[in-house]
Amino acid sequence: MIEYMPWSQEVADKCLRDYEKGTFSILDIELGGQCNYHCIYCDSPCREKVCNVSYDKLESAFTTGNIKWVFICGLGEPTAIGNKKILLHILQLCEKYKAKCSIFTNLSNLSSELIEYIDKRILYLLFKYDSRDIVKNMNLYGVSHVNKQLFNIDRIKKHVIIENGCTNLAASIVPTKVNKNDILDIVQDCLSNSIYPLIAELENSGDAQDYYSQLALSDEELMHIKEQVNMLVGEAYRVPVCPAVISGVHVRHDGRVTVDEYTGLSCHWFWLQEPKTKVVGDFNEMTIDEIVTRIDNIRTNRFAEVQALQKDAKNKVFGGCGGDVNALFHQYITSALRRK
């Protein structure tokens, strides 16, 4: 099956090899809570935040020659007006230093500038795609007009790029009680257009907890959907592991670098216990080498405990956007043991 390039095995292997040599090759940045959508399953407590990451420090990280990818996911809409200036700056840096950028987007904004970076194979998109039904999307996204998003989904299909069995586009598909009957049609549409269909579980956290009982499917219903997707795809459906979790430095919208408090991994949504963030330092005040050293120290201090607990980590049906929990920690432990 076709892979989404940023989460492909090829990219993961390269990033893990860099990690084993002591290099973090991914920046994982939140551009802020600013977003024109109010999705009822969104984890963002505020959509007014402004990104406060230093342009000079960003370029300083690129000048090391180590940064190969920038992942922009999590809270907020990176193409929103308040985020677009820094997004374009990041894309310019990626072009200048021969890196690539992947963003998570609701696809409500798709300017000619962004299309240009897509066609240059610099910008890769994971976009929200939950239904073709306007009323269902209005209920899920909390906005009265979603026509533009659906128009842009059709528009983006003209910019699919396939390279070495990988695509530049992926669709984030979240099964809920509202859209459960649409999932197979969406997956088929993605497959027909060489877009990777990423089926993720609904998260029970943050503001989304207020609506979880109204939206969440049972494990049995999710498993049935997974079995149907398997039949459609033609092989066992595998949610990929995000390489930024192991090989990335996570920078919050306020410039703080954070890790999962327990494991030291660079994204707190992949946990062995309840997720909590730990602030490592300020990206705007530290060198990338200082940041990496601090992250390494946290991971080293907890490694034995993480290694022991990993054996009891349980798989989810889909595993969220980061894939199989066991697979992720297996890769982390294997790479950490090899690390020089």
Protein backbone atom coordinates (compact mmCIF):
# COMPACT_ATOMS: atom_id res chain seq x y z
CA MET A 1 0.00 0.00 0.00
CA ILE A 2 1.12 3.55 -0.71
CA GLU A 3 2.72 5.41 2.24
CA TYR A 4 2.51 9.05 3.31
CA MET A 5 6.05 10.31 2.73
CA PRO A 6 6.69 12.06 6.10
CA TRP A 7 5.60 8.91 7.97
CA SER A 8 7.02 6.42 5.50
CA GLN A 9 9.34 3.65 6.61
CA GLU A 10 12.09 5.21 4.49
CA VAL A 11 11.91 8.54 6.35
CA ALA A 12 11.51 6.82 9.72
CA ASP A 13 14.60 4.68 9.10
CA LYS A 14 16.69 7.71 8.11
CA CYS A 15 15.56 9.69 11.15
CA LEU A 16 16.22 6.75 13.47
CA ARG A 17 19.71 6.30 12.02
CA ASP A 18 20.34 10.00 12.72
CA TYR A 19 19.03 9.55 16.26
CA GLU A 20 21.34 6.61 16.84
CA LYS A 21 24.23 8.90 15.87
CA GLY A 22 23.09 11.49 18.41
CA THR A 23 21.18 13.77 16.03
CA PHE A 24 17.59 14.98 16.21
CA SER A 25 16.61 15.60 12.58
CA ILE A 26 13.01 16.81 13.04
CA LEU A 27 11.53 20.02 14.45
CA ASP A 28 7.94 19.45 15.66
CA ILE A 29 6.37 22.89 16.03
CA GLU A 30 2.99 24.21 17.19
CA LEU A 31 2.11 27.40 15.39
CA GLY A 32 -0.54 28.37 17.91
CA GLY A 33 -4.19 27.85 18.70
CA GLN A 34 -5.42 30.19 15.98
CA CYS A 35 -8.05 28.43 13.89
CA ASN A 36 -11.20 29.39 12.02
CA TYR A 37 -12.85 26.05 12.84
CA HIS A 38 -14.32 24.97 16.17
CA CYS A 39 -14.28 21.20 15.83
CA ILE A 40 -16.22 19.60 18.65
CA TYR A 41 -13.54 16.94 19.05
CA CYS A 42 -10.65 19.41 19.05
CA ASP A 43 -8.27 19.33 22.02
CA SER A 44 -7.38 23.02 21.76
CA PRO A 45 -8.50 25.00 24.83
CA CYS A 46 -7.98 28.30 23.01
CA ARG A 47 -7.88 29.35 19.38
CA GLU A 48 -6.42 32.80 19.99
CA LYS A 49 -2.81 31.88 20.69
CA VAL A 50 -0.03 33.43 18.64
CA CYS A 51 3.22 31.64 17.85
CA ASN A 52 6.20 33.14 19.64
CA VAL A 53 9.07 31.18 18.09
CA SER A 54 12.13 33.24 17.14
CA TYR A 55 12.86 33.43 13.41
CA ASP A 56 16.59 33.73 14.15
CA LYS A 57 16.57 30.63 16.35
CA LEU A 58 14.68 28.71 13.68
CA GLU A 59 17.32 29.53 11.10
CA SER A 60 20.05 28.75 13.62
CA ALA A 61 18.62 25.24 13.99
CA PHE A 62 18.65 24.80 10.21
CA THR A 63 22.26 25.98 9.87
CA THR A 64 23.43 22.91 11.80
CA GLY A 65 22.56 20.88 8.71
CA ASN A 66 20.80 18.33 10.91
CA ILE A 67 17.16 19.34 10.35
CA LYS A 68 15.63 17.31 7.53
CA TRP A 69 11.93 17.76 8.37
CA VAL A 70 9.63 20.21 10.10
CA PHE A 71 6.38 18.66 11.34
CA ILE A 72 3.60 21.12 12.13
CA CYS A 73 0.71 19.36 13.80
CA GLY A 74 -1.27 19.51 17.02
CA LEU A 75 -3.10 22.61 18.13
CA GLY A 76 -4.26 25.25 15.69
CA GLU A 77 -4.51 25.66 11.94
CA PRO A 78 -1.08 26.48 10.42
CA THR A 79 -2.57 28.19 7.38
CA ALA A 80 -4.75 30.57 9.44
CA ILE A 81 -4.03 34.28 8.92
CA GLY A 82 -2.23 34.66 12.26
CA ASN A 83 0.02 31.67 11.56
CA LYS A 84 0.66 32.05 7.85
CA LYS A 85 3.61 34.46 8.11
CA ILE A 86 5.73 32.10 10.19
CA LEU A 87 4.56 29.10 8.12
CA LEU A 88 5.84 30.76 4.96
CA HIS A 89 9.10 31.63 6.75
CA ILE A 90 9.54 27.96 7.71
CA LEU A 91 8.86 26.89 4.12
CA GLN A 92 11.45 29.38 2.88
CA LEU A 93 13.99 27.93 5.33
CA CYS A 94 13.14 24.42 4.19
CA GLU A 95 13.77 25.41 0.58
CA LYS A 96 17.02 27.19 1.47
CA TYR A 97 18.41 24.33 3.57
CA LYS A 98 16.95 21.45 1.54
CA ALA A 99 14.52 20.25 4.18
CA LYS A 100 10.83 19.33 3.96
CA CYS A 101 7.73 20.33 5.91
CA SER A 102 4.57 18.40 6.80
CA ILE A 103 1.50 20.14 8.22
CA PHE A 104 -1.82 19.03 9.67
CA THR A 105 -4.56 21.22 8.25
CA ASN A 106 -8.33 21.49 7.99
CA LEU A 107 -7.66 22.60 4.40
CA SER A 108 -9.91 25.65 4.67
CA ASN A 109 -7.06 27.82 3.35
CA LEU A 110 -5.13 26.76 0.27
CA SER A 111 -3.31 29.73 -1.25
CA SER A 112 -1.29 29.76 -4.47
CA GLU A 113 1.87 30.15 -2.35
CA LEU A 114 1.16 26.90 -0.53
CA ILE A 115 0.31 25.12 -3.78
CA GLU A 116 3.70 26.22 -5.14
CA TYR A 117 5.53 24.63 -2.19
CA ILE A 118 3.46 21.46 -2.63
CA ASP A 119 4.46 21.23 -6.28
CA LYS A 120 8.12 21.81 -5.32
CA ARG A 121 7.95 18.73 -3.05
CA ILE A 122 8.70 20.84 0.00
CA LEU A 123 5.24 20.93 1.61
CA TYR A 124 3.32 17.76 2.50
CA LEU A 125 -0.26 17.75 3.79
CA LEU A 126 -2.18 15.66 6.30
CA PHE A 127 -5.66 17.11 5.97
CA LYS A 128 -8.95 16.65 7.79
CA TYR A 129 -11.44 14.56 5.80
CA ASP A 130 -14.39 13.17 7.77
CA SER A 131 -17.34 13.31 5.38
CA ARG A 132 -18.54 14.59 2.02
CA ASP A 133 -21.84 15.53 3.67
CA ILE A 134 -21.94 19.27 4.38
CA VAL A 135 -24.41 18.95 7.27
CA LYS A 136 -22.32 16.27 9.00
CA ASN A 137 -19.19 18.36 8.63
CA MET A 138 -21.00 21.41 9.99
CA ASN A 139 -21.92 19.35 13.08
CA LEU A 140 -18.37 18.08 13.55
CA TYR A 141 -16.49 21.28 12.72
CA GLY A 142 -18.69 23.86 14.42
CA VAL A 143 -18.84 26.21 11.44
CA SER A 144 -21.81 27.09 9.27
CA HIS A 145 -19.92 26.96 5.95
CA VAL A 146 -17.63 24.06 5.09
CA ASN A 147 -18.06 24.24 1.32
CA LYS A 148 -14.58 25.75 0.93
CA GLN A 149 -12.95 22.85 2.74
CA LEU A 150 -14.69 20.31 0.53
CA PHE A 151 -13.81 22.36 -2.57
CA ASN A 152 -10.14 22.37 -1.50
CA ILE A 153 -10.17 18.61 -0.98
CA ASP A 154 -11.18 18.23 -4.61
CA ARG A 155 -8.67 20.89 -5.64
CA ILE A 156 -5.75 19.26 -3.81
CA LYS A 157 -6.27 15.98 -5.68
CA LYS A 158 -4.75 17.66 -8.74
CA HIS A 159 -1.46 18.08 -6.85
CA VAL A 160 -0.80 14.50 -5.79
CA ILE A 161 2.86 13.55 -6.22
CA ILE A 162 3.95 9.90 -6.02
CA GLU A 163 7.62 9.17 -5.35
CA ASN A 164 9.16 5.77 -4.51
CA GLY A 165 5.81 4.34 -3.45
CA CYS A 166 5.01 7.36 -1.29
CA THR A 167 2.44 10.14 -1.64
CA ASN A 168 2.66 13.77 -0.58
CA LEU A 169 -0.93 13.79 0.75
CA ALA A 170 -2.70 11.99 3.59
CA ALA A 171 -6.24 12.31 4.94
CA SER A 172 -7.01 12.25 8.66
CA ILE A 173 -10.27 10.33 9.04
CA VAL A 174 -11.85 10.15 12.51
CA PRO A 175 -14.78 7.71 12.80
CA THR A 176 -17.57 8.98 15.06
CA LYS A 177 -21.25 8.29 15.54
CA VAL A 178 -21.91 11.17 13.15
CA ASN A 179 -19.88 9.94 10.16
CA LYS A 180 -19.32 6.21 10.73
CA ASN A 181 -21.27 5.28 7.59
CA ASP A 182 -19.07 7.55 5.45
CA ILE A 183 -15.71 6.04 6.34
CA LEU A 184 -15.42 3.42 3.60
CA ASP A 185 -16.45 5.86 0.87
CA ILE A 186 -13.79 8.32 2.09
CA VAL A 187 -11.13 5.61 2.18
CA GLN A 188 -12.05 4.53 -1.34
CA ASP A 189 -11.90 8.13 -2.56
CA CYS A 190 -8.43 8.46 -1.04
CA LEU A 191 -7.19 5.23 -2.59
CA SER A 192 -8.59 6.22 -5.99
CA ASN A 193 -6.60 9.46 -5.82
CA SER A 194 -3.34 8.09 -4.32
CA ILE A 195 -3.95 9.79 -0.96
CA TYR A 196 -3.02 7.86 2.17
CA PRO A 197 -6.08 7.26 4.40
CA LEU A 198 -5.10 7.69 8.04
CA ILE A 199 -7.85 6.39 10.29
CA ALA A 200 -7.39 7.70 13.83
CA GLU A 201 -9.25 7.21 17.08
CA LEU A 202 -11.23 9.97 18.72
CA GLU A 203 -9.22 11.43 21.62
CA ASN A 204 -10.87 11.69 25.04
CA SER A 205 -8.98 14.71 26.31
CA GLY A 206 -9.14 18.46 26.70
CA ASP A 207 -12.28 20.17 25.44
CA ALA A 208 -13.14 17.02 23.48
CA GLN A 209 -14.15 15.32 26.74
CA ASP A 210 -17.35 17.40 26.73
CA TYR A 211 -18.50 15.67 23.55
CA TYR A 212 -16.78 12.29 23.79
CA SER A 213 -19.84 10.29 24.88
CA GLN A 214 -21.89 11.82 22.06
CA LEU A 215 -19.31 10.94 19.41
CA ALA A 216 -17.25 7.94 20.46
CA LEU A 217 -17.73 4.53 18.88
CA SER A 218 -17.26 1.34 20.87
CA ASP A 219 -14.15 -0.81 20.42
CA GLU A 220 -16.34 -3.35 18.64
CA GLU A 221 -17.58 -0.74 16.17
CA LEU A 222 -14.04 0.51 15.56
CA MET A 223 -12.78 -3.03 15.02
CA HIS A 224 -15.56 -3.64 12.50
CA ILE A 225 -14.55 -0.49 10.61
CA LYS A 226 -10.92 -1.59 10.69
CA GLU A 227 -11.83 -5.00 9.27
CA GLN A 228 -13.80 -3.33 6.49
CA VAL A 229 -10.89 -1.01 5.71
CA ASN A 230 -8.54 -4.01 5.62
CA MET A 231 -10.75 -5.67 3.03
CA LEU A 232 -10.88 -2.49 0.97
CA VAL A 233 -7.15 -1.82 1.10
CA GLY A 234 -6.30 -5.44 0.40
CA GLU A 235 -3.85 -5.98 3.25
CA ALA A 236 -3.67 -5.49 7.01
CA TYR A 237 -4.15 -1.78 7.67
CA ARG A 238 -1.19 -0.29 9.51
CA VAL A 239 -1.19 3.16 11.06
CA PRO A 240 2.39 4.46 10.67
CA VAL A 241 4.59 5.58 13.52
CA CYS A 242 5.36 9.31 13.54
CA PRO A 243 9.19 9.62 13.51
CA ALA A 244 9.06 12.97 15.36
CA VAL A 245 8.13 11.14 18.57
CA ILE A 246 11.63 9.66 18.78
CA SER A 247 13.72 11.85 16.47
CA GLY A 248 12.12 15.26 16.93
CA VAL A 249 12.37 18.33 19.16
CA HIS A 250 8.88 19.54 20.09
CA VAL A 251 8.51 23.34 20.24
CA ARG A 252 5.31 24.73 21.75
CA HIS A 253 3.64 27.89 20.40
CA ASP A 254 5.17 29.93 23.26
CA GLY A 255 8.69 28.80 22.39
CA ARG A 256 8.95 26.24 25.20
CA VAL A 257 10.46 22.88 24.34
CA THR A 258 8.46 20.07 25.92
CA VAL A 259 8.65 16.29 26.21
CA ASP A 260 6.46 13.61 27.70
CA GLU A 261 7.24 13.82 31.42
CA TYR A 262 7.54 10.08 31.94
CA THR A 263 9.40 8.87 28.86
CA GLY A 264 11.17 11.99 27.61
CA LEU A 265 9.79 11.33 24.15
CA SER A 266 9.07 14.39 22.06
CA CYS A 267 5.29 14.12 21.98
CA HIS A 268 3.17 13.61 25.07
CA TRP A 269 0.38 11.79 23.23
CA PHE A 270 2.41 8.58 23.12
CA TRP A 271 2.57 7.42 26.67
CA LEU A 272 2.94 4.48 29.02
CA GLN A 273 1.14 6.38 31.76
CA GLU A 274 -1.21 9.38 31.82
CA PRO A 275 0.19 12.08 29.53
CA LYS A 276 1.93 15.02 31.14
CA THR A 277 4.32 17.50 29.60
CA LYS A 278 7.68 18.54 30.99
CA VAL A 279 9.29 21.81 29.91
CA VAL A 280 12.90 21.23 28.86
CA GLY A 281 13.78 24.85 28.18
CA ASP A 282 13.14 27.81 25.89
CA PHE A 283 13.83 27.32 22.19
CA ASN A 284 14.34 31.07 21.82
CA GLU A 285 17.13 31.16 24.41
CA MET A 286 19.01 27.88 23.87
CA THR A 287 21.03 26.30 21.09
CA ILE A 288 19.67 23.17 19.48
CA ASP A 289 22.62 21.22 20.94
CA GLU A 290 21.74 22.35 24.48
CA ILE A 291 18.13 21.30 23.94
CA VAL A 292 19.11 17.86 22.63
CA THR A 293 21.43 17.31 25.59
CA ARG A 294 18.63 18.04 28.06
CA ILE A 295 16.22 15.72 26.25
CA ASP A 296 18.86 12.99 26.20
CA ASN A 297 19.41 13.35 29.94
CA ILE A 298 15.70 12.93 30.68
CA ARG A 299 15.45 9.86 28.47
CA THR A 300 18.61 8.31 29.93
CA ASN A 301 17.38 8.74 33.50
CA ARG A 302 14.06 7.01 32.77
CA PHE A 303 15.17 4.50 30.17
CA ALA A 304 15.27 1.40 32.38
CA GLU A 305 11.75 2.07 33.67
CA VAL A 306 10.40 2.76 30.19
CA GLN A 307 12.02 -0.39 28.87
CA ALA A 308 10.38 -2.45 31.62
CA LEU A 309 6.94 -0.88 31.23
CA GLN A 310 6.96 -1.13 27.45
CA LYS A 311 6.32 -4.85 27.70
CA ASP A 312 2.86 -4.09 29.11
CA ALA A 313 1.92 -1.37 26.60
CA LYS A 314 -1.41 -2.20 24.99
CA ASN A 315 -2.37 -1.66 21.38
CA LYS A 316 -5.36 0.42 20.43
CA VAL A 317 -7.59 -0.44 17.52
CA PHE A 318 -6.11 2.32 15.38
CA GLY A 319 -3.65 3.92 17.80
CA GLY A 320 -4.20 7.59 17.07
CA CYS A 321 -2.04 9.53 14.63
CA GLY A 322 1.14 7.93 15.93
CA GLY A 323 0.37 4.33 15.19
CA ASP A 324 0.92 1.16 17.16
CA VAL A 325 2.07 1.99 20.71
CA ASN A 326 4.11 -1.21 20.99
CA ALA A 327 5.78 -0.61 17.63
CA LEU A 328 6.74 2.92 18.63
CA PHE A 329 8.34 1.94 21.91
CA HIS A 330 10.07 -1.04 20.30
CA GLN A 331 11.69 1.30 17.78
CA TYR A 332 12.63 3.75 20.52
CA ILE A 333 14.23 1.12 22.75
CA THR A 334 16.06 -0.52 19.83
CA SER A 335 17.44 2.83 18.66
CA ALA A 336 18.34 3.97 22.17
CA LEU A 337 20.34 0.76 22.76
CA ARG A 338 22.24 1.32 19.53
CA ARG A 339 22.84 4.99 20.21
CA LYS A 340 26.45 6.11 20.24
